Amino acid sequence: MLTINFHPFQNIETERLLLRRLDENDADEVLALRGNPEIMKYIPRPLAVTREDALAHIAMIEEKIEGNIGINWGITIKGEPKIIGIIGHYRIQPENHRAEIGYMSLPEFNGKGYITEAIKAVVAYGFEQMQLHSIEAVIDPDNIASERVLQKNGFVKEAHILENELWDGKYWDTVIYSLLKRNWRP
């Protein structure tokens, strides 16, 4: 079984991005992300409605980091303090050396390669720092943009599960993409 330790917290730099720890100063951007019905349409979770909802989300992320059970970074463009998105490893399974990656970005930053760049960095962190064997992404089958960005990063479709999640009175299909460490190209 893996021993997961996110202390000290590591920022990640890429060519254009700084992935950093979220804090209370990010509440407005977290609200813009988690409160936007267009961004959240493929994510079966409640919309953030208030700044307090955003602060609660940041606190939940921080609690997972402190407990070594999940890690998220705020995605920023180097030199800019405001986050443009969030990315991280969720549902870590230390016994299986596997984690789920998740990400979201503000619409005005889509199509510029930022998420592709951030995924590359977070996948590298997962394989090199966390010593994962595999990383999965669970997406809505209608989320074509997410599917494309995963494929660009070497993920392959592993499964399409029919109506396996009930959310808000609707059964949702999920598609699982994965990347094995042996197939990863840094």
C-alpha atoms as a PDB file:
ATOM      1  CA  MET A   1       0.000   0.000   0.000  1.00  0.00           C
ATOM      2  CA  LEU A   2       1.214   3.490  -0.834  1.00  0.00           C
ATOM      3  CA  THR A   3       1.962   6.018   1.854  1.00  0.00           C
ATOM      4  CA  ILE A   4       0.587   9.351   0.680  1.00  0.00           C
ATOM      5  CA  ASN A   5       2.143  12.544   2.076  1.00  0.00           C
ATOM      6  CA  PHE A   6       1.380  16.012   0.733  1.00  0.00           C
ATOM      7  CA  HIS A   7       3.578  17.777   3.322  1.00  0.00           C
ATOM      8  CA  PRO A   8       5.211  20.056   2.589  1.00  0.00           C
ATOM      9  CA  PHE A   9       2.763  21.119  -0.106  1.00  0.00           C
ATOM     10  CA  GLN A  10       4.469  21.424  -3.490  1.00  0.00           C
ATOM     11  CA  ASN A  11       3.614  24.101  -6.008  1.00  0.00           C
ATOM     12  CA  ILE A  12       4.066  22.948  -9.598  1.00  0.00           C
ATOM     13  CA  GLU A  13       5.465  25.156 -12.357  1.00  0.00           C
ATOM     14  CA  THR A  14       5.049  24.565 -16.064  1.00  0.00           C
ATOM     15  CA  GLU A  15       6.082  26.700 -19.007  1.00  0.00           C
ATOM     16  CA  ARG A  16       3.097  29.057 -18.614  1.00  0.00           C
ATOM     17  CA  LEU A  17       1.424  28.050 -15.359  1.00  0.00           C
ATOM     18  CA  LEU A  18       1.881  27.992 -11.618  1.00  0.00           C
ATOM     19  CA  LEU A  19      -0.229  25.418  -9.812  1.00  0.00           C
ATOM     20  CA  ARG A  20      -0.502  26.537  -6.209  1.00  0.00           C
ATOM     21  CA  ARG A  21      -2.385  25.898  -2.996  1.00  0.00           C
ATOM     22  CA  LEU A  22      -5.842  27.417  -2.819  1.00  0.00           C
ATOM     23  CA  ASP A  23      -6.677  29.862  -0.032  1.00  0.00           C
ATOM     24  CA  GLU A  24      -9.554  32.080   1.069  1.00  0.00           C
ATOM     25  CA  ASN A  25      -8.462  34.792  -1.377  1.00  0.00           C
ATOM     26  CA  ASP A  26      -9.580  32.447  -4.190  1.00  0.00           C
ATOM     27  CA  ALA A  27     -13.212  32.361  -3.029  1.00  0.00           C
ATOM     28  CA  ASP A  28     -14.561  34.594  -5.826  1.00  0.00           C
ATOM     29  CA  GLU A  29     -12.935  32.479  -8.544  1.00  0.00           C
ATOM     30  CA  VAL A  30     -14.003  29.220  -6.881  1.00  0.00           C
ATOM     31  CA  LEU A  31     -17.552  30.599  -6.791  1.00  0.00           C
ATOM     32  CA  ALA A  32     -17.258  31.545 -10.492  1.00  0.00           C
ATOM     33  CA  LEU A  33     -16.154  27.966 -11.262  1.00  0.00           C
ATOM     34  CA  ARG A  34     -18.413  25.934  -8.973  1.00  0.00           C
ATOM     35  CA  GLY A  35     -21.373  28.277  -9.383  1.00  0.00           C
ATOM     36  CA  ASN A  36     -21.399  28.341 -13.184  1.00  0.00           C
ATOM     37  CA  PRO A  37     -24.101  25.981 -14.540  1.00  0.00           C
ATOM     38  CA  GLU A  38     -22.234  25.664 -17.866  1.00  0.00           C
ATOM     39  CA  ILE A  39     -19.019  24.537 -16.164  1.00  0.00           C
ATOM     40  CA  MET A  40     -20.894  22.249 -13.758  1.00  0.00           C
ATOM     41  CA  LYS A  41     -23.257  20.669 -16.306  1.00  0.00           C
ATOM     42  CA  TYR A  42     -21.057  17.564 -16.546  1.00  0.00           C
ATOM     43  CA  ILE A  43     -20.280  17.407 -12.825  1.00  0.00           C
ATOM     44  CA  PRO A  44     -23.068  15.907 -10.711  1.00  0.00           C
ATOM     45  CA  ARG A  45     -22.496  18.068  -7.642  1.00  0.00           C
ATOM     46  CA  PRO A  46     -24.415  20.993  -6.169  1.00  0.00           C
ATOM     47  CA  LEU A  47     -23.765  24.451  -7.553  1.00  0.00           C
ATOM     48  CA  ALA A  48     -22.002  26.890  -5.277  1.00  0.00           C
ATOM     49  CA  VAL A  49     -24.416  29.756  -4.712  1.00  0.00           C
ATOM     50  CA  THR A  50     -22.690  31.961  -2.153  1.00  0.00           C
ATOM     51  CA  ARG A  51     -19.178  33.014  -1.241  1.00  0.00           C
ATOM     52  CA  GLU A  52     -19.631  30.844   1.862  1.00  0.00           C
ATOM     53  CA  ASP A  53     -20.200  27.825  -0.414  1.00  0.00           C
ATOM     54  CA  ALA A  54     -16.910  28.630  -2.152  1.00  0.00           C
ATOM     55  CA  LEU A  55     -15.102  29.013   1.177  1.00  0.00           C
ATOM     56  CA  ALA A  56     -16.549  25.663   2.308  1.00  0.00           C
ATOM     57  CA  HIS A  57     -15.221  24.060  -0.887  1.00  0.00           C
ATOM     58  CA  ILE A  58     -11.762  25.532  -0.275  1.00  0.00           C
ATOM     59  CA  ALA A  59     -11.898  24.293   3.343  1.00  0.00           C
ATOM     60  CA  MET A  60     -12.850  20.788   2.147  1.00  0.00           C
ATOM     61  CA  ILE A  61      -9.889  20.778  -0.259  1.00  0.00           C
ATOM     62  CA  GLU A  62      -7.578  21.934   2.529  1.00  0.00           C
ATOM     63  CA  GLU A  63      -8.895  19.244   4.895  1.00  0.00           C
ATOM     64  CA  LYS A  64      -8.127  16.552   2.302  1.00  0.00           C
ATOM     65  CA  ILE A  65      -4.595  17.888   1.818  1.00  0.00           C
ATOM     66  CA  GLU A  66      -4.020  18.005   5.590  1.00  0.00           C
ATOM     67  CA  GLY A  67      -5.329  14.425   5.911  1.00  0.00           C
ATOM     68  CA  ASN A  68      -3.282  13.177   2.919  1.00  0.00           C
ATOM     69  CA  ILE A  69      -6.442  11.890   1.210  1.00  0.00           C
ATOM     70  CA  GLY A  70      -6.616  14.281  -1.765  1.00  0.00           C
ATOM     71  CA  ILE A  71      -4.756  17.192  -3.303  1.00  0.00           C
ATOM     72  CA  ASN A  72      -5.856  20.107  -5.447  1.00  0.00           C
ATOM     73  CA  TRP A  73      -4.059  23.059  -6.920  1.00  0.00           C
ATOM     74  CA  GLY A  74      -5.353  26.388  -8.117  1.00  0.00           C
ATOM     75  CA  ILE A  75      -4.274  26.882 -11.727  1.00  0.00           C
ATOM     76  CA  THR A  76      -2.771  30.318 -12.345  1.00  0.00           C
ATOM     77  CA  ILE A  77      -1.026  31.887 -15.300  1.00  0.00           C
ATOM     78  CA  LYS A  78       2.504  32.767 -14.191  1.00  0.00           C
ATOM     79  CA  GLY A  79       2.632  36.307 -12.861  1.00  0.00           C
ATOM     80  CA  GLU A  80      -1.139  36.479 -12.335  1.00  0.00           C
ATOM     81  CA  PRO A  81      -2.480  35.895  -8.808  1.00  0.00           C
ATOM     82  CA  LYS A  82      -6.034  34.869  -9.728  1.00  0.00           C
ATOM     83  CA  ILE A  83      -6.838  31.238 -10.406  1.00  0.00           C
ATOM     84  CA  ILE A  84      -8.256  30.246 -13.774  1.00  0.00           C
ATOM     85  CA  GLY A  85      -9.131  26.720 -12.695  1.00  0.00           C
ATOM     86  CA  ILE A  86      -8.651  23.864 -10.253  1.00  0.00           C
ATOM     87  CA  ILE A  87      -6.952  20.508 -10.784  1.00  0.00           C
ATOM     88  CA  GLY A  88      -6.113  17.642  -8.505  1.00  0.00           C
ATOM     89  CA  HIS A  89      -6.054  14.008  -7.496  1.00  0.00           C
ATOM     90  CA  TYR A  90      -9.312  12.740  -5.965  1.00  0.00           C
ATOM     91  CA  ARG A  91     -10.489   9.378  -4.716  1.00  0.00           C
ATOM     92  CA  ILE A  92      -6.982   8.187  -4.069  1.00  0.00           C
ATOM     93  CA  GLN A  93      -6.809   4.410  -3.607  1.00  0.00           C
ATOM     94  CA  PRO A  94      -3.467   3.785  -1.847  1.00  0.00           C
ATOM     95  CA  GLU A  95      -4.135   0.038  -1.806  1.00  0.00           C
ATOM     96  CA  ASN A  96      -4.407   0.028  -5.625  1.00  0.00           C
ATOM     97  CA  HIS A  97      -1.782   2.712  -6.312  1.00  0.00           C
ATOM     98  CA  ARG A  98      -4.496   4.565  -8.259  1.00  0.00           C
ATOM     99  CA  ALA A  99      -6.072   8.007  -8.136  1.00  0.00           C
ATOM    100  CA  GLU A 100      -8.668   9.958 -10.061  1.00  0.00           C
ATOM    101  CA  ILE A 101      -7.708  13.242 -11.675  1.00  0.00           C
ATOM    102  CA  GLY A 102     -10.235  16.052 -11.946  1.00  0.00           C
ATOM    103  CA  TYR A 103     -10.036  19.557 -13.380  1.00  0.00           C
ATOM    104  CA  MET A 104     -12.102  22.571 -14.380  1.00  0.00           C
ATOM    105  CA  SER A 105     -11.385  25.998 -15.800  1.00  0.00           C
ATOM    106  CA  LEU A 106     -13.160  29.268 -16.364  1.00  0.00           C
ATOM    107  CA  PRO A 107     -14.649  29.358 -19.896  1.00  0.00           C
ATOM    108  CA  GLU A 108     -12.638  32.371 -21.030  1.00  0.00           C
ATOM    109  CA  PHE A 109      -9.450  30.307 -20.599  1.00  0.00           C
ATOM    110  CA  ASN A 110     -10.648  27.235 -22.508  1.00  0.00           C
ATOM    111  CA  GLY A 111      -9.076  26.331 -25.849  1.00  0.00           C
ATOM    112  CA  LYS A 112      -5.674  27.792 -24.973  1.00  0.00           C
ATOM    113  CA  GLY A 113      -3.991  24.553 -23.880  1.00  0.00           C
ATOM    114  CA  TYR A 114      -3.858  25.468 -20.192  1.00  0.00           C
ATOM    115  CA  ILE A 115      -5.716  22.361 -19.002  1.00  0.00           C
ATOM    116  CA  THR A 116      -3.592  20.105 -21.207  1.00  0.00           C
ATOM    117  CA  GLU A 117      -0.475  21.684 -19.703  1.00  0.00           C
ATOM    118  CA  ALA A 118      -1.818  21.391 -16.145  1.00  0.00           C
ATOM    119  CA  ILE A 119      -2.817  17.732 -16.640  1.00  0.00           C
ATOM    120  CA  LYS A 120       0.692  16.889 -17.882  1.00  0.00           C
ATOM    121  CA  ALA A 121       2.156  18.384 -14.709  1.00  0.00           C
ATOM    122  CA  VAL A 122      -0.323  16.776 -12.307  1.00  0.00           C
ATOM    123  CA  VAL A 123       0.063  13.376 -13.991  1.00  0.00           C
ATOM    124  CA  ALA A 124       3.849  13.703 -13.601  1.00  0.00           C
ATOM    125  CA  TYR A 125       3.344  14.551  -9.917  1.00  0.00           C
ATOM    126  CA  GLY A 126       1.095  11.494  -9.521  1.00  0.00           C
ATOM    127  CA  PHE A 127       3.551   9.083 -11.088  1.00  0.00           C
ATOM    128  CA  GLU A 128       6.801  10.607  -9.789  1.00  0.00           C
ATOM    129  CA  GLN A 129       5.895  11.995  -6.352  1.00  0.00           C
ATOM    130  CA  MET A 130       2.905   9.865  -5.320  1.00  0.00           C
ATOM    131  CA  GLN A 131       4.279   6.713  -6.986  1.00  0.00           C
ATOM    132  CA  LEU A 132       0.908   5.868  -8.554  1.00  0.00           C
ATOM    133  CA  HIS A 133       0.566   2.911 -10.915  1.00  0.00           C
ATOM    134  CA  SER A 134      -2.474   4.346 -12.720  1.00  0.00           C
ATOM    135  CA  ILE A 135      -4.509   7.524 -12.938  1.00  0.00           C
ATOM    136  CA  GLU A 136      -8.129   7.615 -14.017  1.00  0.00           C
ATOM    137  CA  ALA A 137     -10.526  10.339 -15.071  1.00  0.00           C
ATOM    138  CA  VAL A 138     -14.270   9.836 -14.746  1.00  0.00           C
ATOM    139  CA  ILE A 139     -16.189  12.007 -17.193  1.00  0.00           C
ATOM    140  CA  ASP A 140     -19.640  12.470 -18.628  1.00  0.00           C
ATOM    141  CA  PRO A 141     -19.809  10.849 -22.095  1.00  0.00           C
ATOM    142  CA  ASP A 142     -21.127  14.129 -23.535  1.00  0.00           C
ATOM    143  CA  ASN A 143     -18.085  16.075 -22.315  1.00  0.00           C
ATOM    144  CA  ILE A 144     -16.183  15.951 -25.607  1.00  0.00           C
ATOM    145  CA  ALA A 145     -13.710  18.683 -24.611  1.00  0.00           C
ATOM    146  CA  SER A 146     -12.646  16.706 -21.546  1.00  0.00           C
ATOM    147  CA  GLU A 147     -12.379  13.526 -23.599  1.00  0.00           C
ATOM    148  CA  ARG A 148     -10.084  15.277 -26.101  1.00  0.00           C
ATOM    149  CA  VAL A 149      -7.799  16.747 -23.461  1.00  0.00           C
ATOM    150  CA  LEU A 150      -7.438  13.337 -21.811  1.00  0.00           C
ATOM    151  CA  GLN A 151      -6.593  11.697 -25.139  1.00  0.00           C
ATOM    152  CA  LYS A 152      -3.972  14.421 -25.806  1.00  0.00           C
ATOM    153  CA  ASN A 153      -2.385  13.398 -22.502  1.00  0.00           C
ATOM    154  CA  GLY A 154      -2.250   9.692 -23.381  1.00  0.00           C
ATOM    155  CA  PHE A 155      -5.339   8.508 -21.498  1.00  0.00           C
ATOM    156  CA  VAL A 156      -7.327   5.672 -23.063  1.00  0.00           C
ATOM    157  CA  LYS A 157     -10.984   4.819 -22.696  1.00  0.00           C
ATOM    158  CA  GLU A 158     -11.356   2.035 -20.167  1.00  0.00           C
ATOM    159  CA  ALA A 159     -15.126   1.788 -19.701  1.00  0.00           C
ATOM    160  CA  HIS A 160     -18.512   3.313 -20.421  1.00  0.00           C
ATOM    161  CA  ILE A 161     -20.815   2.564 -17.513  1.00  0.00           C
ATOM    162  CA  LEU A 162     -24.525   3.036 -18.132  1.00  0.00           C
ATOM    163  CA  GLU A 163     -26.697   4.967 -15.664  1.00  0.00           C
ATOM    164  CA  ASN A 164     -24.438   4.231 -12.711  1.00  0.00           C
ATOM    165  CA  GLU A 165     -24.865   7.513 -10.854  1.00  0.00           C
ATOM    166  CA  LEU A 166     -28.120   9.057  -9.663  1.00  0.00           C
ATOM    167  CA  TRP A 167     -27.990  12.824  -9.357  1.00  0.00           C
ATOM    168  CA  ASP A 168     -30.868  15.265  -9.083  1.00  0.00           C
ATOM    169  CA  GLY A 169     -33.442  12.688 -10.186  1.00  0.00           C
ATOM    170  CA  LYS A 170     -31.485  11.615 -13.291  1.00  0.00           C
ATOM    171  CA  TYR A 171     -29.293   8.578 -13.904  1.00  0.00           C
ATOM    172  CA  TRP A 172     -25.953   9.562 -15.410  1.00  0.00           C
ATOM    173  CA  ASP A 173     -23.613   7.459 -17.519  1.00  0.00           C
ATOM    174  CA  THR A 174     -19.918   7.736 -16.776  1.00  0.00           C
ATOM    175  CA  VAL A 175     -16.895   7.087 -18.949  1.00  0.00           C
ATOM    176  CA  ILE A 176     -13.587   6.120 -17.381  1.00  0.00           C
ATOM    177  CA  TYR A 177     -10.319   7.054 -19.030  1.00  0.00           C
ATOM    178  CA  SER A 178      -7.031   5.858 -17.577  1.00  0.00           C
ATOM    179  CA  LEU A 179      -3.304   6.100 -17.969  1.00  0.00           C
ATOM    180  CA  LEU A 180      -0.885   3.462 -16.706  1.00  0.00           C
ATOM    181  CA  LYS A 181       2.532   4.606 -15.562  1.00  0.00           C
ATOM    182  CA  ARG A 182       4.208   2.278 -18.073  1.00  0.00           C
ATOM    183  CA  ASN A 183       2.343   4.028 -20.920  1.00  0.00           C
ATOM    184  CA  TRP A 184       3.076   7.538 -19.673  1.00  0.00           C
ATOM    185  CA  ARG A 185       5.409   9.704 -21.738  1.00  0.00           C
ATOM    186  CA  PRO A 186       6.816  12.563 -19.625  1.00  0.00           C
END
